[in-house]
Amino acid sequence: MTSAAEPGASYTLRIAEPGDTLVVGLGNPILGDDGVGWRVINELDELEHADASLQQACVGGVSLMELLAGYRRAIIVDAIIDLEDEPGNVWCKPLSAVETRVASHLDSTHDAPLPAAIEAGRAMGADLPTEIKVVGVVIERGDVFGEELSDAVAAAVPVAAAEVVRALQEQRVVSPQGEPVNA
């Protein structure tokens, strides 16, 4: 197994197989800490991950929405730039609670933000997840060329993987419109 901080570890691309739940790690593996989503997928591949489909991607907006089609649940792992939070901190929130301006791949100046893409996809009849969570890993910068993660972000990889596993273990019943149902 390669360490999350080792150069080249980010190049073990995973493409998802069809299934119930998709975990997608976003980022660019040659932009330092921005590649943290890919490293979390590598870590999950070594762990028990409840038969979730794993994928790595360098997309956002409409292209990311298209990746989610056909899945009931999705967990997105992404680098987050939040000047009020410390690099290496990890959190897990529903997509609806995430400010897309801080997530490097959930928003785009050249594409639609993911929530808008999801809304448009649903309006066109796309079969999209009723539950989408985001596991965010706070980074300082995502524009520095290199394959290595900073020490703080490398240390966050197993923490983020554990958050994904915890989210996978949660079973929520939701209506076809995506609303929680008390069972």
N, C-alpha and C. Protein backbone atom coordinates (compact mmCIF):
# COMPACT_ATOMS: atom_id res chain seq x y z
N MET A 1 0.85 -1.19 0.00
CA MET A 1 0.00 0.00 0.00
C MET A 1 0.88 1.24 0.00
N THR A 2 0.51 2.22 -0.79
CA THR A 2 1.27 3.46 -0.82
C THR A 2 0.71 4.43 0.19
N SER A 3 1.58 5.21 0.77
CA SER A 3 1.16 6.21 1.74
C SER A 3 0.42 7.34 1.03
N ALA A 4 -0.49 7.96 1.74
CA ALA A 4 -1.26 9.07 1.16
C ALA A 4 -0.36 10.24 0.79
N ALA A 5 0.82 10.34 1.37
CA ALA A 5 1.70 11.46 1.08
C ALA A 5 2.74 11.12 0.02
N GLU A 6 2.78 9.87 -0.45
CA GLU A 6 3.79 9.48 -1.42
C GLU A 6 3.46 10.01 -2.81
N PRO A 7 4.45 10.59 -3.52
CA PRO A 7 4.20 10.98 -4.90
C PRO A 7 3.82 9.74 -5.71
N GLY A 8 2.92 9.94 -6.66
CA GLY A 8 2.49 8.83 -7.50
C GLY A 8 1.32 8.06 -6.93
N ALA A 9 1.07 8.16 -5.63
CA ALA A 9 -0.04 7.43 -5.02
C ALA A 9 -1.37 7.91 -5.59
N SER A 10 -1.43 9.14 -6.06
CA SER A 10 -2.67 9.70 -6.57
C SER A 10 -3.02 9.19 -7.97
N TYR A 11 -2.13 8.49 -8.62
CA TYR A 11 -2.38 8.08 -9.99
C TYR A 11 -3.02 6.71 -10.13
N THR A 12 -3.53 6.14 -9.06
CA THR A 12 -4.23 4.86 -9.15
C THR A 12 -5.71 5.14 -9.36
N LEU A 13 -6.06 5.55 -10.57
CA LEU A 13 -7.41 5.97 -10.91
C LEU A 13 -8.42 4.86 -10.69
N ARG A 14 -9.53 5.19 -10.05
CA ARG A 14 -10.63 4.26 -9.83
C ARG A 14 -11.84 4.77 -10.62
N ILE A 15 -12.44 3.89 -11.40
CA ILE A 15 -13.67 4.21 -12.11
C ILE A 15 -14.77 3.37 -11.48
N ALA A 16 -15.87 3.99 -11.14
CA ALA A 16 -16.95 3.32 -10.42
C ALA A 16 -17.68 2.30 -11.28
N GLU A 17 -18.08 1.23 -10.63
CA GLU A 17 -18.99 0.25 -11.21
C GLU A 17 -20.40 0.65 -10.79
N PRO A 18 -21.40 0.29 -11.57
CA PRO A 18 -22.78 0.62 -11.18
C PRO A 18 -23.11 0.04 -9.80
N GLY A 19 -23.93 0.74 -9.05
CA GLY A 19 -24.30 0.27 -7.73
C GLY A 19 -25.28 1.20 -7.05
N ASP A 20 -25.48 0.99 -5.77
CA ASP A 20 -26.43 1.75 -4.97
C ASP A 20 -25.84 3.09 -4.54
N THR A 21 -24.56 3.08 -4.13
CA THR A 21 -23.92 4.27 -3.58
C THR A 21 -22.61 4.55 -4.30
N LEU A 22 -22.41 5.80 -4.66
CA LEU A 22 -21.17 6.23 -5.29
C LEU A 22 -20.40 7.13 -4.33
N VAL A 23 -19.12 6.83 -4.14
CA VAL A 23 -18.21 7.72 -3.42
C VAL A 23 -17.24 8.24 -4.47
N VAL A 24 -17.25 9.55 -4.67
CA VAL A 24 -16.38 10.14 -5.68
C VAL A 24 -15.42 11.11 -5.00
N GLY A 25 -14.13 10.90 -5.25
CA GLY A 25 -13.08 11.78 -4.76
C GLY A 25 -12.73 12.76 -5.86
N LEU A 26 -12.90 14.04 -5.57
CA LEU A 26 -12.66 15.08 -6.56
C LEU A 26 -11.28 15.70 -6.37
N GLY A 27 -10.78 16.28 -7.43
CA GLY A 27 -9.54 17.03 -7.32
C GLY A 27 -8.63 16.81 -8.50
N ASN A 28 -7.49 17.44 -8.42
CA ASN A 28 -6.46 17.29 -9.44
C ASN A 28 -5.21 16.77 -8.74
N PRO A 29 -4.81 15.53 -9.05
CA PRO A 29 -3.71 14.91 -8.32
C PRO A 29 -2.33 15.53 -8.55
N ILE A 30 -2.23 16.48 -9.48
CA ILE A 30 -0.93 17.15 -9.66
C ILE A 30 -0.95 18.58 -9.14
N LEU A 31 -1.99 18.91 -8.37
CA LEU A 31 -2.07 20.23 -7.74
C LEU A 31 -2.03 20.12 -6.22
N GLY A 32 -1.08 19.34 -5.72
CA GLY A 32 -0.85 19.25 -4.28
C GLY A 32 -2.10 18.88 -3.51
N ASP A 33 -2.47 19.70 -2.54
CA ASP A 33 -3.58 19.41 -1.64
C ASP A 33 -4.93 19.29 -2.36
N ASP A 34 -5.06 19.85 -3.55
CA ASP A 34 -6.30 19.71 -4.30
C ASP A 34 -6.59 18.25 -4.64
N GLY A 35 -5.58 17.40 -4.65
CA GLY A 35 -5.75 15.99 -4.95
C GLY A 35 -6.18 15.14 -3.77
N VAL A 36 -6.56 15.74 -2.67
CA VAL A 36 -6.89 14.98 -1.46
C VAL A 36 -8.07 14.03 -1.68
N GLY A 37 -9.05 14.41 -2.49
CA GLY A 37 -10.18 13.53 -2.75
C GLY A 37 -9.74 12.22 -3.38
N TRP A 38 -8.77 12.29 -4.28
CA TRP A 38 -8.23 11.08 -4.92
C TRP A 38 -7.54 10.19 -3.89
N ARG A 39 -6.80 10.82 -2.97
CA ARG A 39 -6.08 10.04 -1.94
C ARG A 39 -7.04 9.35 -0.99
N VAL A 40 -8.18 10.00 -0.69
CA VAL A 40 -9.17 9.38 0.18
C VAL A 40 -9.75 8.14 -0.51
N ILE A 41 -9.99 8.21 -1.80
CA ILE A 41 -10.49 7.05 -2.54
C ILE A 41 -9.46 5.92 -2.49
N ASN A 42 -8.18 6.26 -2.65
CA ASN A 42 -7.13 5.23 -2.53
C ASN A 42 -7.18 4.58 -1.15
N GLU A 43 -7.36 5.38 -0.12
CA GLU A 43 -7.43 4.87 1.26
C GLU A 43 -8.66 3.97 1.43
N LEU A 44 -9.79 4.39 0.88
CA LEU A 44 -11.02 3.60 0.99
C LEU A 44 -10.89 2.26 0.27
N ASP A 45 -10.12 2.25 -0.78
CA ASP A 45 -9.95 1.00 -1.53
C ASP A 45 -9.27 -0.07 -0.67
N GLU A 46 -8.55 0.37 0.35
CA GLU A 46 -7.87 -0.55 1.27
C GLU A 46 -8.74 -0.92 2.47
N LEU A 47 -9.87 -0.24 2.64
CA LEU A 47 -10.74 -0.45 3.79
C LEU A 47 -12.02 -1.15 3.37
N GLU A 48 -12.77 -1.58 4.36
CA GLU A 48 -14.13 -2.06 4.13
C GLU A 48 -14.98 -0.84 3.79
N HIS A 49 -15.64 -0.84 2.67
CA HIS A 49 -16.43 0.33 2.31
C HIS A 49 -17.86 -0.01 1.90
N ALA A 50 -18.43 -1.03 2.48
CA ALA A 50 -19.86 -1.36 2.36
C ALA A 50 -20.33 -1.47 0.92
N ASP A 51 -19.50 -2.01 0.07
CA ASP A 51 -19.88 -2.23 -1.33
C ASP A 51 -20.24 -0.96 -2.09
N ALA A 52 -19.73 0.15 -1.68
CA ALA A 52 -19.93 1.39 -2.42
C ALA A 52 -19.04 1.38 -3.65
N SER A 53 -19.50 2.02 -4.70
CA SER A 53 -18.69 2.21 -5.89
C SER A 53 -17.75 3.39 -5.64
N LEU A 54 -16.50 3.26 -6.02
CA LEU A 54 -15.50 4.31 -5.80
C LEU A 54 -15.07 4.88 -7.14
N GLN A 55 -14.92 6.20 -7.19
CA GLN A 55 -14.45 6.84 -8.42
C GLN A 55 -13.65 8.08 -8.07
N GLN A 56 -12.67 8.38 -8.91
CA GLN A 56 -11.90 9.61 -8.81
C GLN A 56 -12.23 10.45 -10.04
N ALA A 57 -12.32 11.77 -9.86
CA ALA A 57 -12.69 12.62 -10.98
C ALA A 57 -12.10 14.02 -10.81
N CYS A 58 -11.92 14.68 -11.94
CA CYS A 58 -11.44 16.07 -11.99
C CYS A 58 -12.52 16.95 -12.60
N VAL A 59 -13.76 16.76 -12.18
CA VAL A 59 -14.88 17.48 -12.78
C VAL A 59 -15.70 18.20 -11.72
N GLY A 60 -16.61 19.01 -12.17
CA GLY A 60 -17.55 19.69 -11.30
C GLY A 60 -18.81 19.98 -12.09
N GLY A 61 -19.76 20.66 -11.46
CA GLY A 61 -20.97 21.10 -12.13
C GLY A 61 -21.73 20.01 -12.86
N VAL A 62 -22.07 20.27 -14.13
CA VAL A 62 -22.88 19.35 -14.92
C VAL A 62 -22.17 18.02 -15.12
N SER A 63 -20.87 18.03 -15.34
CA SER A 63 -20.13 16.77 -15.53
C SER A 63 -20.17 15.92 -14.27
N LEU A 64 -20.08 16.54 -13.11
CA LEU A 64 -20.18 15.80 -11.85
C LEU A 64 -21.60 15.26 -11.67
N MET A 65 -22.60 16.08 -12.00
CA MET A 65 -23.99 15.61 -11.92
C MET A 65 -24.18 14.37 -12.78
N GLU A 66 -23.60 14.35 -13.96
CA GLU A 66 -23.73 13.19 -14.86
C GLU A 66 -23.12 11.93 -14.25
N LEU A 67 -22.02 12.09 -13.51
CA LEU A 67 -21.40 10.94 -12.84
C LEU A 67 -22.33 10.33 -11.79
N LEU A 68 -23.15 11.17 -11.17
CA LEU A 68 -24.01 10.72 -10.09
C LEU A 68 -25.27 10.01 -10.57
N ALA A 69 -25.58 10.14 -11.86
CA ALA A 69 -26.81 9.56 -12.40
C ALA A 69 -26.82 8.04 -12.20
N GLY A 70 -27.98 7.56 -11.75
CA GLY A 70 -28.17 6.12 -11.56
C GLY A 70 -27.88 5.61 -10.17
N TYR A 71 -27.35 6.45 -9.31
CA TYR A 71 -27.06 6.06 -7.93
C TYR A 71 -28.14 6.59 -6.99
N ARG A 72 -28.44 5.84 -5.94
CA ARG A 72 -29.41 6.27 -4.93
C ARG A 72 -28.79 7.25 -3.95
N ARG A 73 -27.52 7.01 -3.59
CA ARG A 73 -26.80 7.85 -2.63
C ARG A 73 -25.45 8.23 -3.24
N ALA A 74 -24.92 9.36 -2.80
CA ALA A 74 -23.58 9.77 -3.22
C ALA A 74 -22.88 10.45 -2.07
N ILE A 75 -21.59 10.20 -1.99
CA ILE A 75 -20.72 10.90 -1.05
C ILE A 75 -19.59 11.49 -1.89
N ILE A 76 -19.42 12.78 -1.77
CA ILE A 76 -18.41 13.49 -2.55
C ILE A 76 -17.32 13.94 -1.59
N VAL A 77 -16.07 13.61 -1.91
CA VAL A 77 -14.93 14.04 -1.09
C VAL A 77 -14.21 15.12 -1.89
N ASP A 78 -14.05 16.29 -1.27
CA ASP A 78 -13.45 17.41 -2.00
C ASP A 78 -12.59 18.25 -1.08
N ALA A 79 -11.64 18.94 -1.69
CA ALA A 79 -10.81 19.91 -0.98
C ALA A 79 -11.64 21.18 -0.77
N ILE A 80 -11.51 21.77 0.40
CA ILE A 80 -12.28 22.95 0.77
C ILE A 80 -11.31 24.06 1.17
N ILE A 81 -11.51 25.24 0.60
CA ILE A 81 -10.71 26.39 1.01
C ILE A 81 -11.60 27.28 1.86
N ASP A 82 -11.28 27.32 3.14
CA ASP A 82 -12.05 28.11 4.10
C ASP A 82 -11.04 28.82 5.01
N LEU A 83 -10.87 30.09 4.79
CA LEU A 83 -9.86 30.85 5.54
C LEU A 83 -10.15 30.92 7.03
N GLU A 84 -11.36 30.56 7.44
CA GLU A 84 -11.71 30.58 8.85
C GLU A 84 -11.51 29.22 9.51
N ASP A 85 -11.00 28.25 8.77
CA ASP A 85 -10.79 26.90 9.30
C ASP A 85 -9.34 26.50 9.06
N GLU A 86 -8.86 25.55 9.85
CA GLU A 86 -7.47 25.11 9.77
C GLU A 86 -7.28 24.03 8.71
N PRO A 87 -6.20 24.12 7.91
CA PRO A 87 -5.91 23.05 6.95
C PRO A 87 -5.82 21.70 7.66
N GLY A 88 -6.44 20.69 7.05
CA GLY A 88 -6.45 19.35 7.62
C GLY A 88 -7.73 19.03 8.38
N ASN A 89 -8.54 20.04 8.71
CA ASN A 89 -9.82 19.75 9.35
C ASN A 89 -10.74 19.05 8.36
N VAL A 90 -11.57 18.16 8.88
CA VAL A 90 -12.47 17.36 8.06
C VAL A 90 -13.88 17.52 8.60
N TRP A 91 -14.85 17.65 7.69
CA TRP A 91 -16.24 17.68 8.09
C TRP A 91 -17.08 16.91 7.08
N CYS A 92 -18.30 16.57 7.49
CA CYS A 92 -19.25 15.87 6.63
C CYS A 92 -20.60 16.56 6.75
N LYS A 93 -21.16 17.00 5.61
CA LYS A 93 -22.44 17.73 5.60
C LYS A 93 -23.26 17.29 4.39
N PRO A 94 -24.57 17.46 4.48
CA PRO A 94 -25.38 17.27 3.27
C PRO A 94 -25.00 18.35 2.25
N LEU A 95 -25.10 18.02 0.97
CA LEU A 95 -24.77 18.99 -0.08
C LEU A 95 -25.52 20.30 0.12
N SER A 96 -26.76 20.23 0.55
CA SER A 96 -27.57 21.44 0.73
C SER A 96 -27.01 22.38 1.78
N ALA A 97 -26.13 21.89 2.67
CA ALA A 97 -25.55 22.72 3.74
C ALA A 97 -24.15 23.23 3.40
N VAL A 98 -23.67 22.92 2.19
CA VAL A 98 -22.30 23.31 1.81
C VAL A 98 -22.34 24.57 0.97
N GLU A 99 -21.51 25.53 1.37
CA GLU A 99 -21.35 26.74 0.56
C GLU A 99 -20.46 26.36 -0.61
N THR A 100 -21.03 26.29 -1.82
CA THR A 100 -20.25 25.81 -2.96
C THR A 100 -19.07 26.71 -3.29
N ARG A 101 -19.09 27.94 -2.86
CA ARG A 101 -17.96 28.84 -3.17
C ARG A 101 -16.67 28.40 -2.48
N VAL A 102 -16.75 27.61 -1.41
CA VAL A 102 -15.55 27.17 -0.71
C VAL A 102 -15.05 25.82 -1.20
N ALA A 103 -15.88 25.09 -1.92
CA ALA A 103 -15.52 23.76 -2.40
C ALA A 103 -14.94 23.90 -3.80
N SER A 104 -13.76 23.36 -3.99
CA SER A 104 -13.06 23.62 -5.24
C SER A 104 -13.73 23.01 -6.46
N HIS A 105 -14.50 21.95 -6.33
CA HIS A 105 -15.09 21.32 -7.51
C HIS A 105 -16.62 21.31 -7.50
N LEU A 106 -17.24 21.77 -6.44
CA LEU A 106 -18.69 21.81 -6.41
C LEU A 106 -19.21 23.08 -7.07
N ASP A 107 -18.33 24.04 -7.31
CA ASP A 107 -18.67 25.29 -7.95
C ASP A 107 -17.70 25.51 -9.11
N SER A 108 -18.10 26.28 -10.08
CA SER A 108 -17.22 26.51 -11.21
C SER A 108 -17.60 27.81 -11.89
N THR A 109 -16.61 28.57 -12.30
CA THR A 109 -16.90 29.79 -13.05
C THR A 109 -17.23 29.47 -14.50
N HIS A 110 -16.90 28.26 -14.96
CA HIS A 110 -17.15 27.86 -16.34
C HIS A 110 -18.32 26.88 -16.48
N ASP A 111 -18.98 26.57 -15.38
CA ASP A 111 -20.03 25.56 -15.37
C ASP A 111 -21.02 25.93 -14.27
N ALA A 112 -22.06 25.15 -14.15
CA ALA A 112 -23.06 25.39 -13.10
C ALA A 112 -22.56 24.84 -11.77
N PRO A 113 -22.89 25.49 -10.65
CA PRO A 113 -22.60 24.88 -9.35
C PRO A 113 -23.36 23.55 -9.27
N LEU A 114 -22.82 22.58 -8.53
CA LEU A 114 -23.44 21.27 -8.46
C LEU A 114 -24.91 21.32 -8.04
N PRO A 115 -25.31 22.08 -7.01
CA PRO A 115 -26.74 22.10 -6.65
C PRO A 115 -27.63 22.53 -7.83
N ALA A 116 -27.19 23.51 -8.62
CA ALA A 116 -27.97 23.95 -9.78
C ALA A 116 -27.99 22.86 -10.85
N ALA A 117 -26.87 22.18 -11.05
CA ALA A 117 -26.80 21.09 -12.03
C ALA A 117 -27.72 19.94 -11.62
N ILE A 118 -27.75 19.63 -10.32
CA ILE A 118 -28.63 18.58 -9.81
C ILE A 118 -30.09 18.96 -10.06
N GLU A 119 -30.43 20.20 -9.75
CA GLU A 119 -31.81 20.67 -9.95
C GLU A 119 -32.20 20.58 -11.43
N ALA A 120 -31.31 21.01 -12.31
CA ALA A 120 -31.59 20.95 -13.74
C ALA A 120 -31.70 19.50 -14.22
N GLY A 121 -30.82 18.65 -13.73
CA GLY A 121 -30.87 17.24 -14.10
C GLY A 121 -32.18 16.59 -13.68
N ARG A 122 -32.61 16.87 -12.47
CA ARG A 122 -33.89 16.31 -11.99
C ARG A 122 -35.05 16.84 -12.83
N ALA A 123 -35.00 18.12 -13.19
CA ALA A 123 -36.07 18.71 -14.00
C ALA A 123 -36.15 18.04 -15.37
N MET A 124 -35.01 17.54 -15.86
CA MET A 124 -34.98 16.86 -17.16
C MET A 124 -35.21 15.36 -17.02
N GLY A 125 -35.47 14.89 -15.79
CA GLY A 125 -35.79 13.49 -15.58
C GLY A 125 -34.62 12.58 -15.28
N ALA A 126 -33.46 13.13 -14.99
CA ALA A 126 -32.30 12.30 -14.66
C ALA A 126 -32.53 11.58 -13.34
N ASP A 127 -32.09 10.35 -13.26
CA ASP A 127 -32.19 9.53 -12.05
C ASP A 127 -30.98 9.86 -11.17
N LEU A 128 -31.16 10.81 -10.25
CA LEU A 128 -30.05 11.30 -9.42
C LEU A 128 -30.25 10.90 -7.97
N PRO A 129 -29.16 10.85 -7.20
CA PRO A 129 -29.25 10.44 -5.80
C PRO A 129 -30.21 11.29 -5.00
N THR A 130 -30.93 10.64 -4.07
CA THR A 130 -31.80 11.37 -3.17
C THR A 130 -31.03 11.86 -1.95
N GLU A 131 -29.86 11.30 -1.73
CA GLU A 131 -29.01 11.71 -0.61
C GLU A 131 -27.60 11.96 -1.13
N ILE A 132 -27.13 13.18 -0.95
CA ILE A 132 -25.77 13.55 -1.36
C ILE A 132 -25.10 14.21 -0.17
N LYS A 133 -24.00 13.61 0.27
CA LYS A 133 -23.20 14.19 1.36
C LYS A 133 -21.86 14.62 0.80
N VAL A 134 -21.26 15.60 1.46
CA VAL A 134 -19.93 16.08 1.09
C VAL A 134 -19.02 15.91 2.30
N VAL A 135 -17.91 15.23 2.08
CA VAL A 135 -16.84 15.16 3.08
C VAL A 135 -15.80 16.16 2.60
N GLY A 136 -15.64 17.21 3.38
CA GLY A 136 -14.70 18.27 3.01
C GLY A 136 -13.42 18.18 3.82
N VAL A 137 -12.30 18.37 3.14
CA VAL A 137 -11.00 18.43 3.79
C VAL A 137 -10.46 19.83 3.54
N VAL A 138 -10.25 20.57 4.60
CA VAL A 138 -9.80 21.95 4.47
C VAL A 138 -8.34 21.98 4.02
N ILE A 139 -8.10 22.77 2.96
CA ILE A 139 -6.74 22.96 2.46
C ILE A 139 -6.44 24.46 2.47
N GLU A 140 -5.16 24.79 2.40
CA GLU A 140 -4.79 26.21 2.34
C GLU A 140 -4.80 26.71 0.91
N ARG A 141 -4.20 25.90 0.00
CA ARG A 141 -4.11 26.29 -1.41
C ARG A 141 -4.31 25.06 -2.28
N GLY A 142 -4.93 25.26 -3.42
CA GLY A 142 -5.12 24.17 -4.36
C GLY A 142 -4.57 24.48 -5.73
N ASP A 143 -3.58 25.38 -5.75
CA ASP A 143 -3.03 25.81 -7.04
C ASP A 143 -1.51 25.69 -7.12
N VAL A 144 -0.96 24.79 -6.32
CA VAL A 144 0.49 24.60 -6.31
C VAL A 144 0.80 23.27 -6.99
N PHE A 145 1.58 23.32 -8.07
CA PHE A 145 1.92 22.09 -8.79
C PHE A 145 2.77 21.17 -7.94
N GLY A 146 2.44 19.90 -7.95
CA GLY A 146 3.19 18.88 -7.23
C GLY A 146 2.25 17.76 -6.83
N GLU A 147 2.80 16.59 -6.63
CA GLU A 147 2.00 15.42 -6.29
C GLU A 147 1.86 15.20 -4.79
N GLU A 148 2.63 15.90 -3.99
CA GLU A 148 2.61 15.66 -2.55
C GLU A 148 1.56 16.52 -1.85
N LEU A 149 0.98 15.93 -0.81
CA LEU A 149 0.07 16.67 0.05
C LEU A 149 0.87 17.33 1.16
N SER A 150 0.37 18.45 1.67
CA SER A 150 0.99 19.06 2.84
C SER A 150 0.83 18.09 4.01
N ASP A 151 1.63 18.25 5.05
CA ASP A 151 1.56 17.35 6.20
C ASP A 151 0.17 17.33 6.83
N ALA A 152 -0.45 18.51 6.99
CA ALA A 152 -1.76 18.58 7.64
C ALA A 152 -2.82 17.86 6.81
N VAL A 153 -2.78 18.02 5.50
CA VAL A 153 -3.78 17.39 4.63
C VAL A 153 -3.51 15.89 4.50
N ALA A 154 -2.25 15.49 4.44
CA ALA A 154 -1.93 14.05 4.40
C ALA A 154 -2.44 13.35 5.66
N ALA A 155 -2.30 14.01 6.80
CA ALA A 155 -2.78 13.43 8.07
C ALA A 155 -4.31 13.35 8.09
N ALA A 156 -4.98 14.18 7.30
CA ALA A 156 -6.44 14.18 7.26
C ALA A 156 -7.02 13.07 6.38
N VAL A 157 -6.21 12.45 5.52
CA VAL A 157 -6.72 11.43 4.61
C VAL A 157 -7.41 10.28 5.35
N PRO A 158 -6.78 9.64 6.35
CA PRO A 158 -7.49 8.56 7.04
C PRO A 158 -8.70 9.05 7.84
N VAL A 159 -8.66 10.28 8.31
CA VAL A 159 -9.80 10.86 9.03
C VAL A 159 -10.98 11.02 8.07
N ALA A 160 -10.70 11.54 6.88
CA ALA A 160 -11.76 11.71 5.87
C ALA A 160 -12.29 10.35 5.42
N ALA A 161 -11.41 9.37 5.26
CA ALA A 161 -11.86 8.02 4.88
C ALA A 161 -12.79 7.46 5.95
N ALA A 162 -12.46 7.68 7.22
CA ALA A 162 -13.31 7.21 8.32
C ALA A 162 -14.67 7.92 8.29
N GLU A 163 -14.69 9.21 7.93
CA GLU A 163 -15.96 9.95 7.81
C GLU A 163 -16.82 9.35 6.69
N VAL A 164 -16.18 8.97 5.59
CA VAL A 164 -16.91 8.35 4.49
C VAL A 164 -17.51 7.02 4.95
N VAL A 165 -16.71 6.20 5.62
CA VAL A 165 -17.20 4.91 6.12
C VAL A 165 -18.38 5.13 7.07
N ARG A 166 -18.26 6.11 7.95
CA ARG A 166 -19.35 6.42 8.89
C ARG A 166 -20.61 6.84 8.11
N ALA A 167 -20.44 7.67 7.09
CA ALA A 167 -21.59 8.10 6.29
C ALA A 167 -22.20 6.92 5.53
N LEU A 168 -21.37 6.00 5.07
CA LEU A 168 -21.88 4.81 4.38
C LEU A 168 -22.70 3.93 5.31
N GLN A 169 -22.34 3.91 6.56
CA GLN A 169 -23.02 3.05 7.52
C GLN A 169 -24.36 3.63 7.97
N GLU A 170 -24.56 4.93 7.77
CA GLU A 170 -25.83 5.55 8.11
C GLU A 170 -26.87 5.15 7.08
N GLN A 171 -27.97 4.69 7.55
CA GLN A 171 -29.07 4.33 6.65
C GLN A 171 -30.20 5.30 6.88
N ARG A 172 -30.49 6.10 5.89
CA ARG A 172 -31.62 7.03 5.98
C ARG A 172 -32.67 6.63 4.97
N VAL A 173 -33.90 6.68 5.37
CA VAL A 173 -35.00 6.45 4.45
C VAL A 173 -35.44 7.81 3.94
N VAL A 174 -35.53 7.94 2.60
CA VAL A 174 -35.95 9.21 2.01
C VAL A 174 -37.05 8.96 0.99
N SER A 175 -37.84 9.98 0.79
CA SER A 175 -38.91 9.92 -0.21
C SER A 175 -38.29 10.06 -1.60
N PRO A 176 -39.08 9.80 -2.67
CA PRO A 176 -38.56 9.99 -4.03
C PRO A 176 -38.12 11.43 -4.29
N GLN A 177 -38.64 12.38 -3.53
CA GLN A 177 -38.24 13.79 -3.69
C GLN A 177 -37.00 14.15 -2.88
N GLY A 178 -36.46 13.15 -2.14
CA GLY A 178 -35.25 13.39 -1.38
C GLY A 178 -35.46 13.87 0.04
N GLU A 179 -36.73 13.90 0.48
CA GLU A 179 -37.04 14.35 1.84
C GLU A 179 -36.91 13.21 2.83
N PRO A 180 -36.34 13.44 4.03
CA PRO A 180 -36.24 12.38 5.04
C PRO A 180 -37.63 11.87 5.43
N VAL A 181 -37.74 10.57 5.65
CA VAL A 181 -38.99 9.94 6.08
C VAL A 181 -38.73 9.30 7.43
N ASN A 182 -39.58 9.58 8.39
CA ASN A 182 -39.45 8.94 9.71
C ASN A 182 -40.00 7.54 9.62
N ALA A 183 -39.11 6.56 9.73
CA ALA A 183 -39.53 5.15 9.60
C ALA A 183 -39.75 4.53 10.97
